[in-house]
C-alpha atoms as a PDB file:
ATOM      1  CA  MET A   1       8.248  15.903  27.456  1.00  0.00           C
ATOM      2  CA  LYS A   2      11.818  15.475  26.671  1.00  0.00           C
ATOM      3  CA  PRO A   3      11.623  16.541  23.109  1.00  0.00           C
ATOM      4  CA  THR A   4       9.603  19.499  23.975  1.00  0.00           C
ATOM      5  CA  SER A   5      12.129  20.737  26.515  1.00  0.00           C
ATOM      6  CA  LYS A   6      14.975  20.463  24.073  1.00  0.00           C
ATOM      7  CA  LEU A   7      12.938  22.426  21.442  1.00  0.00           C
ATOM      8  CA  PHE A   8      12.311  25.044  24.134  1.00  0.00           C
ATOM      9  CA  LEU A   9      16.029  25.731  24.441  1.00  0.00           C
ATOM     10  CA  LEU A  10      16.699  25.898  20.596  1.00  0.00           C
ATOM     11  CA  PRO A  11      15.682  29.605  20.147  1.00  0.00           C
ATOM     12  CA  PHE A  12      18.034  30.513  23.047  1.00  0.00           C
ATOM     13  CA  LEU A  13      20.932  28.678  21.577  1.00  0.00           C
ATOM     14  CA  PRO A  14      22.499  31.804  19.587  1.00  0.00           C
ATOM     15  CA  VAL A  15      22.289  33.901  22.814  1.00  0.00           C
ATOM     16  CA  LEU A  16      24.009  31.217  24.840  1.00  0.00           C
ATOM     17  CA  MET A  17      26.729  30.792  22.096  1.00  0.00           C
ATOM     18  CA  ILE A  18      27.291  34.662  21.936  1.00  0.00           C
ATOM     19  CA  SER A  19      27.579  34.814  25.774  1.00  0.00           C
ATOM     20  CA  LEU A  20      30.235  31.980  25.628  1.00  0.00           C
ATOM     21  CA  VAL A  21      32.285  33.618  22.819  1.00  0.00           C
ATOM     22  CA  THR A  22      32.128  36.967  24.622  1.00  0.00           C
ATOM     23  CA  TRP A  23      33.311  35.501  27.929  1.00  0.00           C
ATOM     24  CA  THR A  24      36.074  33.530  26.148  1.00  0.00           C
ATOM     25  CA  CYS A  25      37.430  36.483  24.085  1.00  0.00           C
ATOM     26  CA  PHE A  26      37.112  39.226  26.744  1.00  0.00           C
ATOM     27  CA  GLY A  27      37.322  37.177  30.029  1.00  0.00           C
ATOM     28  CA  SER A  28      40.979  36.740  29.798  1.00  0.00           C
ATOM     29  CA  GLU A  29      41.591  40.483  29.232  1.00  0.00           C
ATOM     30  CA  LEU A  30      39.243  41.286  32.164  1.00  0.00           C
ATOM     31  CA  ASP A  31      40.918  38.613  34.393  1.00  0.00           C
ATOM     32  CA  SER A  32      44.342  40.342  33.304  1.00  0.00           C
ATOM     33  CA  LYS A  33      43.148  43.790  34.287  1.00  0.00           C
ATOM     34  CA  LEU A  34      41.772  42.514  37.647  1.00  0.00           C
ATOM     35  CA  ARG A  35      45.031  40.750  38.432  1.00  0.00           C
ATOM     36  CA  ASN A  36      47.005  43.941  37.560  1.00  0.00           C
ATOM     37  CA  ASP A  37      44.658  46.089  39.719  1.00  0.00           C
ATOM     38  CA  THR A  38      45.049  43.726  42.578  1.00  0.00           C
ATOM     39  CA  SER A  39      48.838  43.667  42.341  1.00  0.00           C
ATOM     40  CA  THR A  40      48.721  47.460  42.176  1.00  0.00           C
ATOM     41  CA  VAL A  41      46.879  47.612  45.468  1.00  0.00           C
ATOM     42  CA  ALA A  42      49.189  45.217  47.068  1.00  0.00           C
ATOM     43  CA  ASN A  43      52.113  47.330  46.160  1.00  0.00           C
ATOM     44  CA  SER A  44      51.386  50.479  48.157  1.00  0.00           C
ATOM     45  CA  SER A  45      54.481  52.331  47.104  1.00  0.00           C
ATOM     46  CA  LYS A  46      53.546  52.429  43.515  1.00  0.00           C
ATOM     47  CA  THR A  47      49.728  52.611  43.791  1.00  0.00           C
ATOM     48  CA  ASN A  48      49.525  56.413  43.349  1.00  0.00           C
ATOM     49  CA  GLN A  49      51.871  56.432  40.496  1.00  0.00           C
ATOM     50  CA  ILE A  50      50.034  53.678  38.563  1.00  0.00           C
ATOM     51  CA  ASP A  51      46.686  55.300  39.358  1.00  0.00           C
ATOM     52  CA  LEU A  52      47.886  58.618  37.732  1.00  0.00           C
ATOM     53  CA  GLU A  53      49.334  56.855  34.718  1.00  0.00           C
ATOM     54  CA  SER A  54      46.178  54.833  34.059  1.00  0.00           C
ATOM     55  CA  LYS A  55      44.001  58.076  34.274  1.00  0.00           C
ATOM     56  CA  ARG A  56      46.376  59.673  31.755  1.00  0.00           C
ATOM     57  CA  GLY A  57      46.104  56.577  29.471  1.00  0.00           C
ATOM     58  CA  THR A  58      49.805  55.741  29.593  1.00  0.00           C
ATOM     59  CA  ASP A  59      49.872  52.756  31.939  1.00  0.00           C
ATOM     60  CA  ASN A  60      52.446  50.124  31.170  1.00  0.00           C
ATOM     61  CA  SER A  61      49.924  47.531  30.118  1.00  0.00           C
ATOM     62  CA  SER A  62      49.615  49.176  26.751  1.00  0.00           C
ATOM     63  CA  SER A  63      53.212  48.133  26.000  1.00  0.00           C
ATOM     64  CA  ALA A  64      52.437  44.559  27.057  1.00  0.00           C
ATOM     65  CA  LEU A  65      49.454  44.529  24.711  1.00  0.00           C
ATOM     66  CA  GLY A  66      51.847  45.385  21.740  1.00  0.00           C
ATOM     67  CA  THR A  67      50.930  49.029  21.238  1.00  0.00           C
ATOM     68  CA  ASP A  68      53.687  51.653  20.455  1.00  0.00           C
ATOM     69  CA  GLU A  69      51.713  54.801  21.351  1.00  0.00           C
ATOM     70  CA  ASN A  70      54.391  55.754  23.932  1.00  0.00           C
ATOM     71  CA  LYS A  71      57.305  55.587  21.538  1.00  0.00           C
ATOM     72  CA  GLY A  72      58.977  58.094  19.328  1.00  0.00           C
ATOM     73  CA  VAL A  73      59.783  57.291  15.646  1.00  0.00           C
ATOM     74  CA  LEU A  74      63.246  57.339  14.193  1.00  0.00           C
ATOM     75  CA  ILE A  75      63.573  56.783  10.338  1.00  0.00           C
ATOM     76  CA  VAL A  76      66.996  55.604   9.477  1.00  0.00           C
ATOM     77  CA  LYS A  77      68.247  55.749   5.873  1.00  0.00           C
ATOM     78  CA  VAL A  78      71.577  54.428   4.616  1.00  0.00           C
ATOM     79  CA  THR A  79      72.977  55.810   1.408  1.00  0.00           C
ATOM     80  CA  THR A  80      75.995  54.251  -0.318  1.00  0.00           C
ATOM     81  CA  LEU A  81      78.266  56.218  -2.643  1.00  0.00           C
ATOM     82  CA  ASN A  82      80.491  53.919  -4.464  1.00  0.00           C
ATOM     83  CA  GLY A  83      82.251  56.151  -6.952  1.00  0.00           C
ATOM     84  CA  GLU A  84      84.065  54.106  -9.797  1.00  0.00           C
ATOM     85  CA  TYR A  85      85.514  51.359  -7.497  1.00  0.00           C
ATOM     86  CA  GLY A  86      83.089  50.630  -4.673  1.00  0.00           C
ATOM     87  CA  ARG A  87      80.881  47.575  -4.910  1.00  0.00           C
ATOM     88  CA  ASN A  88      78.778  47.613  -1.680  1.00  0.00           C
ATOM     89  CA  PHE A  89      75.140  48.302  -1.192  1.00  0.00           C
ATOM     90  CA  SER A  90      73.351  49.818   1.715  1.00  0.00           C
ATOM     91  CA  SER A  91      72.289  46.408   2.775  1.00  0.00           C
ATOM     92  CA  ASP A  92      75.847  45.419   3.307  1.00  0.00           C
ATOM     93  CA  PHE A  93      76.015  47.571   6.427  1.00  0.00           C
ATOM     94  CA  THR A  94      74.441  46.801   9.798  1.00  0.00           C
ATOM     95  CA  VAL A  95      72.848  49.636  11.643  1.00  0.00           C
ATOM     96  CA  TYR A  96      72.799  49.589  15.550  1.00  0.00           C
ATOM     97  CA  ILE A  97      70.415  51.605  17.723  1.00  0.00           C
ATOM     98  CA  HIS A  98      71.411  52.510  21.231  1.00  0.00           C
ATOM     99  CA  ALA A  99      68.398  53.711  23.024  1.00  0.00           C
ATOM    100  CA  ASN A 100      65.601  52.853  25.520  1.00  0.00           C
ATOM    101  CA  ASP A 101      63.867  49.749  24.197  1.00  0.00           C
ATOM    102  CA  PRO A 102      64.448  50.340  20.389  1.00  0.00           C
ATOM    103  CA  ILE A 103      62.353  48.164  18.071  1.00  0.00           C
ATOM    104  CA  PRO A 104      64.221  47.002  16.054  1.00  0.00           C
ATOM    105  CA  ASP A 105      67.672  47.540  17.617  1.00  0.00           C
ATOM    106  CA  THR A 106      69.779  45.994  14.839  1.00  0.00           C
ATOM    107  CA  PHE A 107      69.013  45.761  11.087  1.00  0.00           C
ATOM    108  CA  LYS A 108      70.561  46.015   7.556  1.00  0.00           C
ATOM    109  CA  GLY A 109      70.798  49.363   5.998  1.00  0.00           C
ATOM    110  CA  ASN A 110      68.184  50.529   3.595  1.00  0.00           C
ATOM    111  CA  ALA A 111      68.220  53.504   1.238  1.00  0.00           C
ATOM    112  CA  SER A 112      64.566  53.842   1.463  1.00  0.00           C
ATOM    113  CA  GLY A 113      64.502  53.929   5.254  1.00  0.00           C
ATOM    114  CA  THR A 114      63.755  51.643   8.292  1.00  0.00           C
ATOM    115  CA  THR A 115      61.397  52.874  11.016  1.00  0.00           C
ATOM    116  CA  VAL A 116      62.468  52.375  14.463  1.00  0.00           C
ATOM    117  CA  LYS A 117      60.330  52.907  17.563  1.00  0.00           C
ATOM    118  CA  LEU A 118      62.087  54.392  20.535  1.00  0.00           C
ATOM    119  CA  SER A 119      61.033  54.835  24.113  1.00  0.00           C
ATOM    120  CA  MET A 120      61.514  58.483  25.307  1.00  0.00           C
ATOM    121  CA  GLY A 121      65.108  59.448  26.153  1.00  0.00           C
ATOM    122  CA  MET A 122      68.442  59.772  24.635  1.00  0.00           C
ATOM    123  CA  TYR A 123      69.643  57.631  21.691  1.00  0.00           C
ATOM    124  CA  SER A 124      72.492  57.161  19.127  1.00  0.00           C
ATOM    125  CA  VAL A 125      72.856  55.343  15.882  1.00  0.00           C
ATOM    126  CA  THR A 126      76.058  53.638  14.762  1.00  0.00           C
ATOM    127  CA  ILE A 127      76.804  51.471  11.680  1.00  0.00           C
ATOM    128  CA  SER A 128      79.243  48.618  10.951  1.00  0.00           C
ATOM    129  CA  SER A 129      82.407  49.304   9.026  1.00  0.00           C
ATOM    130  CA  ILE A 130      83.656  47.965   5.785  1.00  0.00           C
ATOM    131  CA  PRO A 131      87.308  48.723   4.626  1.00  0.00           C
ATOM    132  CA  HIS A 132      87.554  51.845   2.402  1.00  0.00           C
ATOM    133  CA  TYR A 133      84.192  53.245   3.453  1.00  0.00           C
ATOM    134  CA  SER A 134      83.826  56.383   5.617  1.00  0.00           C
ATOM    135  CA  SER A 135      80.563  57.259   7.300  1.00  0.00           C
ATOM    136  CA  SER A 136      78.786  60.597   7.927  1.00  0.00           C
ATOM    137  CA  PHE A 137      75.733  61.060  10.010  1.00  0.00           C
ATOM    138  CA  SER A 138      72.960  63.715  10.040  1.00  0.00           C
ATOM    139  CA  SER A 139      72.350  65.600  13.262  1.00  0.00           C
ATOM    140  CA  ASP A 140      69.227  63.523  14.091  1.00  0.00           C
ATOM    141  CA  CYS A 141      71.332  60.307  14.325  1.00  0.00           C
ATOM    142  CA  ASN A 142      71.800  61.032  17.996  1.00  0.00           C
ATOM    143  CA  GLY A 143      70.169  62.978  20.639  1.00  0.00           C
ATOM    144  CA  GLY A 144      66.896  62.895  22.544  1.00  0.00           C
ATOM    145  CA  ILE A 145      63.452  61.856  21.555  1.00  0.00           C
ATOM    146  CA  MET A 146      59.909  62.358  22.959  1.00  0.00           C
ATOM    147  CA  LYS A 147      57.025  60.008  22.370  1.00  0.00           C
ATOM    148  CA  VAL A 148      55.347  62.331  19.890  1.00  0.00           C
ATOM    149  CA  GLU A 149      58.423  62.947  17.779  1.00  0.00           C
ATOM    150  CA  THR A 150      59.542  61.707  14.422  1.00  0.00           C
ATOM    151  CA  LYS A 151      63.124  62.177  13.475  1.00  0.00           C
ATOM    152  CA  ASP A 152      65.191  61.321  10.322  1.00  0.00           C
ATOM    153  CA  CYS A 153      68.601  59.795  10.643  1.00  0.00           C
ATOM    154  CA  ASN A 154      70.576  59.880   7.325  1.00  0.00           C
ATOM    155  CA  ILE A 155      73.722  57.920   7.075  1.00  0.00           C
ATOM    156  CA  VAL A 156      75.937  58.165   3.927  1.00  0.00           C
ATOM    157  CA  MET A 157      78.542  55.580   3.329  1.00  0.00           C
ATOM    158  CA  THR A 158      81.300  56.847   0.926  1.00  0.00           C
ATOM    159  CA  TYR A 159      83.919  54.764  -0.825  1.00  0.00           C
ATOM    160  CA  ILE A 160      87.323  56.146  -0.562  1.00  0.00           C
ATOM    161  CA  LYS A 161      89.909  54.907  -3.148  1.00  0.00           C
ATOM    162  CA  SER A 162      93.091  53.795  -1.438  1.00  0.00           C
ATOM    163  CA  ASP A 163      96.278  54.460  -3.348  1.00  0.00           C
END
């Protein structure tokens, strides 16, 4: 009888494996959602706010999952004008982003552009200095950004010959 009972389970093995894989893959996400919902109910002062955000599809868990759908885009280009005497490249300058949760917040200059994700709000861009170079910034290198916006910040580093 024992060999027959094992053979009886054999056709159901794929279904059991799929169920196990599904629970393993999606169970932790479900547990996480349940924990978040439980903590939301426990914190009565924020319950209504979180419920409204989740209905709009903008709850904070999307950031925890690594999505950037709630961020604006800033494209930063650094151009270097060396004239006869300058010897530096765009990558010799370091760009700093001052904003709400910028990703990345610091990077090497790039003439083709670096994409930065910014949370909604005010921002500004600065750049490191190298002797004999002056900097000029386009108007979109500071200001405000919304989550649906894309802005271009152009920085020109110009070598100025000293006498």
